[in-house]
Amino acid sequence: MNIREAERKDWDLIWPIFNEVVKAGETYAYETETTKDQAEKIWLDAPRKTFVAEENGKIYGTYYIKTNQAGPGNHVCNCGYMVSSIARGRGLATTMCEHSQEMALKLGYKAMQFNFVASSNEGAVRLWNKLGFETVGRLPSAFNHPTKGYVDALVMFKWLAKT
């Protein structure tokens, strides 16, 4: 699997992944009816950089990296990851998260924070913990899961810079 920076022409291949993940309403706090144009602004325009994971010309995953807060907090980045359902279970989220940590350091960030991880997303929570992220905050009943109802949202953090 090759990870490279996304180009505008990749959007038509990223969109089905974005749409599938967001429409499910289980992991991201985006409207489930987010349009293709709205999604393009969220995923390609707003972040500092967006990446795709591809194999044989097909995109199976994507992630973005952006500054989490301005000013005194601009040394902390935020990332979001999406994997196509046909590629789940192949370690792609791990590969993209490891790549994003390397990219964060190259871009001058010192830490990474996930602001709103649905506690019901057990696979992601387990993976982020395995990759060294700590849960530093819990927002009670902050995420409205489509089948589980109100579940906690977690704030997860990892210091990346060498001390």
C-alpha atoms as a PDB file:
ATOM      1  CA  MET A   1       0.000   0.000   0.000  1.00  0.00           C
ATOM      2  CA  ASN A   2       1.387   3.379  -1.016  1.00  0.00           C
ATOM      3  CA  ILE A   3       0.542   6.577   0.902  1.00  0.00           C
ATOM      4  CA  ARG A   4       0.872   9.854  -0.974  1.00  0.00           C
ATOM      5  CA  GLU A   5      -0.441  13.386  -0.755  1.00  0.00           C
ATOM      6  CA  ALA A   6      -3.905  13.684  -2.276  1.00  0.00           C
ATOM      7  CA  GLU A   7      -4.476  15.721  -5.407  1.00  0.00           C
ATOM      8  CA  ARG A   8      -7.688  17.481  -6.418  1.00  0.00           C
ATOM      9  CA  LYS A   9      -8.247  14.830  -9.115  1.00  0.00           C
ATOM     10  CA  ASP A  10      -8.396  12.148  -6.369  1.00  0.00           C
ATOM     11  CA  TRP A  11     -11.618  13.539  -4.923  1.00  0.00           C
ATOM     12  CA  ASP A  12     -13.902  11.351  -7.042  1.00  0.00           C
ATOM     13  CA  LEU A  13     -12.133   8.288  -5.572  1.00  0.00           C
ATOM     14  CA  ILE A  14     -12.066   9.649  -2.001  1.00  0.00           C
ATOM     15  CA  TRP A  15     -15.737  10.650  -1.995  1.00  0.00           C
ATOM     16  CA  PRO A  16     -17.181   7.077  -1.907  1.00  0.00           C
ATOM     17  CA  ILE A  17     -15.068   6.318   1.188  1.00  0.00           C
ATOM     18  CA  PHE A  18     -16.047   9.586   2.889  1.00  0.00           C
ATOM     19  CA  ASN A  19     -19.715   9.070   2.018  1.00  0.00           C
ATOM     20  CA  GLU A  20     -19.755   5.470   3.259  1.00  0.00           C
ATOM     21  CA  VAL A  21     -18.168   6.354   6.614  1.00  0.00           C
ATOM     22  CA  VAL A  22     -20.170   9.525   7.244  1.00  0.00           C
ATOM     23  CA  LYS A  23     -23.509   8.101   6.112  1.00  0.00           C
ATOM     24  CA  ALA A  24     -23.156   5.331   8.724  1.00  0.00           C
ATOM     25  CA  GLY A  25     -23.076   8.014  11.446  1.00  0.00           C
ATOM     26  CA  GLU A  26     -21.041   5.805  13.777  1.00  0.00           C
ATOM     27  CA  THR A  27     -17.644   7.525  13.978  1.00  0.00           C
ATOM     28  CA  TYR A  28     -17.607  11.130  12.725  1.00  0.00           C
ATOM     29  CA  ALA A  29     -19.580  14.132  13.943  1.00  0.00           C
ATOM     30  CA  TYR A  30     -20.505  15.165  10.409  1.00  0.00           C
ATOM     31  CA  GLU A  31     -24.073  15.314   9.162  1.00  0.00           C
ATOM     32  CA  THR A  32     -24.937  11.928   7.631  1.00  0.00           C
ATOM     33  CA  GLU A  33     -26.320  13.754   4.590  1.00  0.00           C
ATOM     34  CA  THR A  34     -23.114  15.726   3.934  1.00  0.00           C
ATOM     35  CA  THR A  35     -23.027  16.528   0.217  1.00  0.00           C
ATOM     36  CA  LYS A  36     -20.098  15.798  -2.053  1.00  0.00           C
ATOM     37  CA  ASP A  37     -19.272  19.519  -2.302  1.00  0.00           C
ATOM     38  CA  GLN A  38     -19.463  20.016   1.477  1.00  0.00           C
ATOM     39  CA  ALA A  39     -17.297  16.940   2.005  1.00  0.00           C
ATOM     40  CA  GLU A  40     -14.666  18.195  -0.416  1.00  0.00           C
ATOM     41  CA  LYS A  41     -14.333  21.404   1.601  1.00  0.00           C
ATOM     42  CA  ILE A  42     -14.114  19.420   4.874  1.00  0.00           C
ATOM     43  CA  TRP A  43     -11.631  16.811   3.654  1.00  0.00           C
ATOM     44  CA  LEU A  44      -9.528  18.555   0.987  1.00  0.00           C
ATOM     45  CA  ASP A  45      -9.796  22.307   1.491  1.00  0.00           C
ATOM     46  CA  ALA A  46      -9.824  22.849   5.280  1.00  0.00           C
ATOM     47  CA  PRO A  47      -6.909  20.586   6.315  1.00  0.00           C
ATOM     48  CA  ARG A  48      -3.262  21.509   5.911  1.00  0.00           C
ATOM     49  CA  LYS A  49      -2.693  18.310   3.913  1.00  0.00           C
ATOM     50  CA  THR A  50      -4.717  15.284   2.868  1.00  0.00           C
ATOM     51  CA  PHE A  51      -3.288  11.881   1.985  1.00  0.00           C
ATOM     52  CA  VAL A  52      -4.543   8.753   0.249  1.00  0.00           C
ATOM     53  CA  ALA A  53      -3.567   5.125   0.634  1.00  0.00           C
ATOM     54  CA  GLU A  54      -3.633   3.432  -2.736  1.00  0.00           C
ATOM     55  CA  GLU A  55      -2.797   0.158  -4.355  1.00  0.00           C
ATOM     56  CA  ASN A  56      -2.847  -0.492  -8.113  1.00  0.00           C
ATOM     57  CA  GLY A  57      -4.457   2.904  -8.746  1.00  0.00           C
ATOM     58  CA  LYS A  58      -7.352   2.294  -6.344  1.00  0.00           C
ATOM     59  CA  ILE A  59      -7.773   4.400  -3.186  1.00  0.00           C
ATOM     60  CA  TYR A  60      -8.613   2.363  -0.083  1.00  0.00           C
ATOM     61  CA  GLY A  61      -8.067   4.934   2.662  1.00  0.00           C
ATOM     62  CA  THR A  62      -7.487   8.588   3.325  1.00  0.00           C
ATOM     63  CA  TYR A  63      -6.491  10.910   6.125  1.00  0.00           C
ATOM     64  CA  TYR A  64      -6.061  14.601   6.749  1.00  0.00           C
ATOM     65  CA  ILE A  65      -3.724  16.555   9.010  1.00  0.00           C
ATOM     66  CA  LYS A  66      -4.431  20.061  10.247  1.00  0.00           C
ATOM     67  CA  THR A  67      -3.481  22.420  13.039  1.00  0.00           C
ATOM     68  CA  ASN A  68      -5.723  21.690  16.013  1.00  0.00           C
ATOM     69  CA  GLN A  69      -5.702  25.217  17.497  1.00  0.00           C
ATOM     70  CA  ALA A  70      -4.211  28.526  16.432  1.00  0.00           C
ATOM     71  CA  GLY A  71      -1.645  30.643  18.247  1.00  0.00           C
ATOM     72  CA  PRO A  72      -0.140  29.071  21.363  1.00  0.00           C
ATOM     73  CA  GLY A  73      -1.719  25.716  20.463  1.00  0.00           C
ATOM     74  CA  ASN A  74      -0.432  25.542  16.892  1.00  0.00           C
ATOM     75  CA  HIS A  75       2.199  22.923  17.743  1.00  0.00           C
ATOM     76  CA  VAL A  76      -0.583  20.325  18.128  1.00  0.00           C
ATOM     77  CA  CYS A  77      -2.151  18.753  15.055  1.00  0.00           C
ATOM     78  CA  ASN A  78      -5.369  16.864  14.520  1.00  0.00           C
ATOM     79  CA  CYS A  79      -5.966  14.037  12.073  1.00  0.00           C
ATOM     80  CA  GLY A  80      -8.950  12.132  10.753  1.00  0.00           C
ATOM     81  CA  TYR A  81      -8.763   8.737   9.064  1.00  0.00           C
ATOM     82  CA  MET A  82     -11.176   6.818   6.846  1.00  0.00           C
ATOM     83  CA  VAL A  83     -10.812   3.333   5.394  1.00  0.00           C
ATOM     84  CA  SER A  84     -13.075   1.777   2.776  1.00  0.00           C
ATOM     85  CA  SER A  85     -15.102  -1.160   4.103  1.00  0.00           C
ATOM     86  CA  ILE A  86     -13.490  -3.428   1.498  1.00  0.00           C
ATOM     87  CA  ALA A  87     -10.027  -2.708   2.948  1.00  0.00           C
ATOM     88  CA  ARG A  88     -10.780  -2.970   6.666  1.00  0.00           C
ATOM     89  CA  GLY A  89      -8.820  -5.486   8.689  1.00  0.00           C
ATOM     90  CA  ARG A  90      -5.660  -5.103   6.577  1.00  0.00           C
ATOM     91  CA  GLY A  91      -3.816  -2.766   8.963  1.00  0.00           C
ATOM     92  CA  LEU A  92      -4.442   0.312   6.855  1.00  0.00           C
ATOM     93  CA  ALA A  93      -5.532   2.526   9.769  1.00  0.00           C
ATOM     94  CA  THR A  94      -2.328   1.585  11.598  1.00  0.00           C
ATOM     95  CA  THR A  95      -0.222   2.385   8.538  1.00  0.00           C
ATOM     96  CA  MET A  96      -1.950   5.732   7.992  1.00  0.00           C
ATOM     97  CA  CYS A  97      -1.681   6.735  11.655  1.00  0.00           C
ATOM     98  CA  GLU A  98       2.026   5.887  11.735  1.00  0.00           C
ATOM     99  CA  HIS A  99       2.508   7.845   8.495  1.00  0.00           C
ATOM    100  CA  SER A 100       0.596  10.810   9.919  1.00  0.00           C
ATOM    101  CA  GLN A 101       2.822  10.905  12.996  1.00  0.00           C
ATOM    102  CA  GLU A 102       5.942  11.045  10.802  1.00  0.00           C
ATOM    103  CA  MET A 103       4.298  13.716   8.646  1.00  0.00           C
ATOM    104  CA  ALA A 104       3.306  15.716  11.733  1.00  0.00           C
ATOM    105  CA  LEU A 105       6.908  15.900  12.852  1.00  0.00           C
ATOM    106  CA  LYS A 106       8.054  16.896   9.346  1.00  0.00           C
ATOM    107  CA  LEU A 107       5.465  19.685   9.352  1.00  0.00           C
ATOM    108  CA  GLY A 108       6.763  20.964  12.694  1.00  0.00           C
ATOM    109  CA  TYR A 109       4.061  19.668  15.031  1.00  0.00           C
ATOM    110  CA  LYS A 110       5.066  18.383  18.453  1.00  0.00           C
ATOM    111  CA  ALA A 111       1.869  16.547  19.412  1.00  0.00           C
ATOM    112  CA  MET A 112      -1.286  15.005  17.955  1.00  0.00           C
ATOM    113  CA  GLN A 113      -4.770  15.196  19.417  1.00  0.00           C
ATOM    114  CA  PHE A 114      -7.986  13.455  18.463  1.00  0.00           C
ATOM    115  CA  ASN A 115     -10.766  15.741  19.666  1.00  0.00           C
ATOM    116  CA  PHE A 116     -13.890  13.613  19.449  1.00  0.00           C
ATOM    117  CA  VAL A 117     -13.427   9.824  19.340  1.00  0.00           C
ATOM    118  CA  ALA A 118     -16.725   8.001  19.856  1.00  0.00           C
ATOM    119  CA  SER A 119     -16.158   5.603  22.750  1.00  0.00           C
ATOM    120  CA  SER A 120     -18.280   3.071  20.860  1.00  0.00           C
ATOM    121  CA  ASN A 121     -15.611   3.007  18.123  1.00  0.00           C
ATOM    122  CA  GLU A 122     -13.771   0.316  20.061  1.00  0.00           C
ATOM    123  CA  GLY A 123     -11.449  -0.654  17.210  1.00  0.00           C
ATOM    124  CA  ALA A 124     -10.154   2.891  16.852  1.00  0.00           C
ATOM    125  CA  VAL A 125      -9.806   3.391  20.616  1.00  0.00           C
ATOM    126  CA  ARG A 126      -7.886   0.124  20.886  1.00  0.00           C
ATOM    127  CA  LEU A 127      -5.631   1.077  17.948  1.00  0.00           C
ATOM    128  CA  TRP A 128      -4.944   4.606  19.187  1.00  0.00           C
ATOM    129  CA  ASN A 129      -4.034   3.198  22.607  1.00  0.00           C
ATOM    130  CA  LYS A 130      -1.737   0.626  20.990  1.00  0.00           C
ATOM    131  CA  LEU A 131      -0.030   3.437  19.068  1.00  0.00           C
ATOM    132  CA  GLY A 132       0.642   5.387  22.266  1.00  0.00           C
ATOM    133  CA  PHE A 133      -2.310   7.762  22.505  1.00  0.00           C
ATOM    134  CA  GLU A 134      -3.769   8.420  25.946  1.00  0.00           C
ATOM    135  CA  THR A 135      -7.337   9.305  26.765  1.00  0.00           C
ATOM    136  CA  VAL A 136      -6.982  12.710  28.409  1.00  0.00           C
ATOM    137  CA  GLY A 137     -10.634  13.667  28.471  1.00  0.00           C
ATOM    138  CA  ARG A 138     -14.099  12.159  28.380  1.00  0.00           C
ATOM    139  CA  LEU A 139     -17.171  14.054  27.222  1.00  0.00           C
ATOM    140  CA  PRO A 140     -20.178  12.257  28.739  1.00  0.00           C
ATOM    141  CA  SER A 141     -22.911  11.340  26.244  1.00  0.00           C
ATOM    142  CA  ALA A 142     -21.489  13.775  23.663  1.00  0.00           C
ATOM    143  CA  PHE A 143     -21.815  11.509  20.592  1.00  0.00           C
ATOM    144  CA  ASN A 144     -25.248  10.380  19.421  1.00  0.00           C
ATOM    145  CA  HIS A 145     -24.621   6.952  17.875  1.00  0.00           C
ATOM    146  CA  PRO A 146     -27.373   5.822  15.456  1.00  0.00           C
ATOM    147  CA  THR A 147     -28.016   2.499  17.250  1.00  0.00           C
ATOM    148  CA  LYS A 148     -26.344   2.803  20.671  1.00  0.00           C
ATOM    149  CA  GLY A 149     -27.723   6.233  21.521  1.00  0.00           C
ATOM    150  CA  TYR A 150     -25.664   8.722  23.482  1.00  0.00           C
ATOM    151  CA  VAL A 151     -22.136   7.504  24.129  1.00  0.00           C
ATOM    152  CA  ASP A 152     -19.095   9.290  25.492  1.00  0.00           C
ATOM    153  CA  ALA A 153     -16.638  11.058  23.211  1.00  0.00           C
ATOM    154  CA  LEU A 154     -12.963  10.779  24.077  1.00  0.00           C
ATOM    155  CA  VAL A 155     -10.159  13.290  23.706  1.00  0.00           C
ATOM    156  CA  MET A 156      -6.966  11.374  22.920  1.00  0.00           C
ATOM    157  CA  PHE A 157      -3.459  12.824  22.872  1.00  0.00           C
ATOM    158  CA  LYS A 158       0.127  11.852  22.073  1.00  0.00           C
ATOM    159  CA  TRP A 159       3.306  13.891  22.451  1.00  0.00           C
ATOM    160  CA  LEU A 160       5.381  13.225  19.331  1.00  0.00           C
ATOM    161  CA  ALA A 161       8.501  15.379  19.747  1.00  0.00           C
ATOM    162  CA  LYS A 162      11.597  13.941  21.309  1.00  0.00           C
ATOM    163  CA  THR A 163      12.219  15.506  24.714  1.00  0.00           C
END
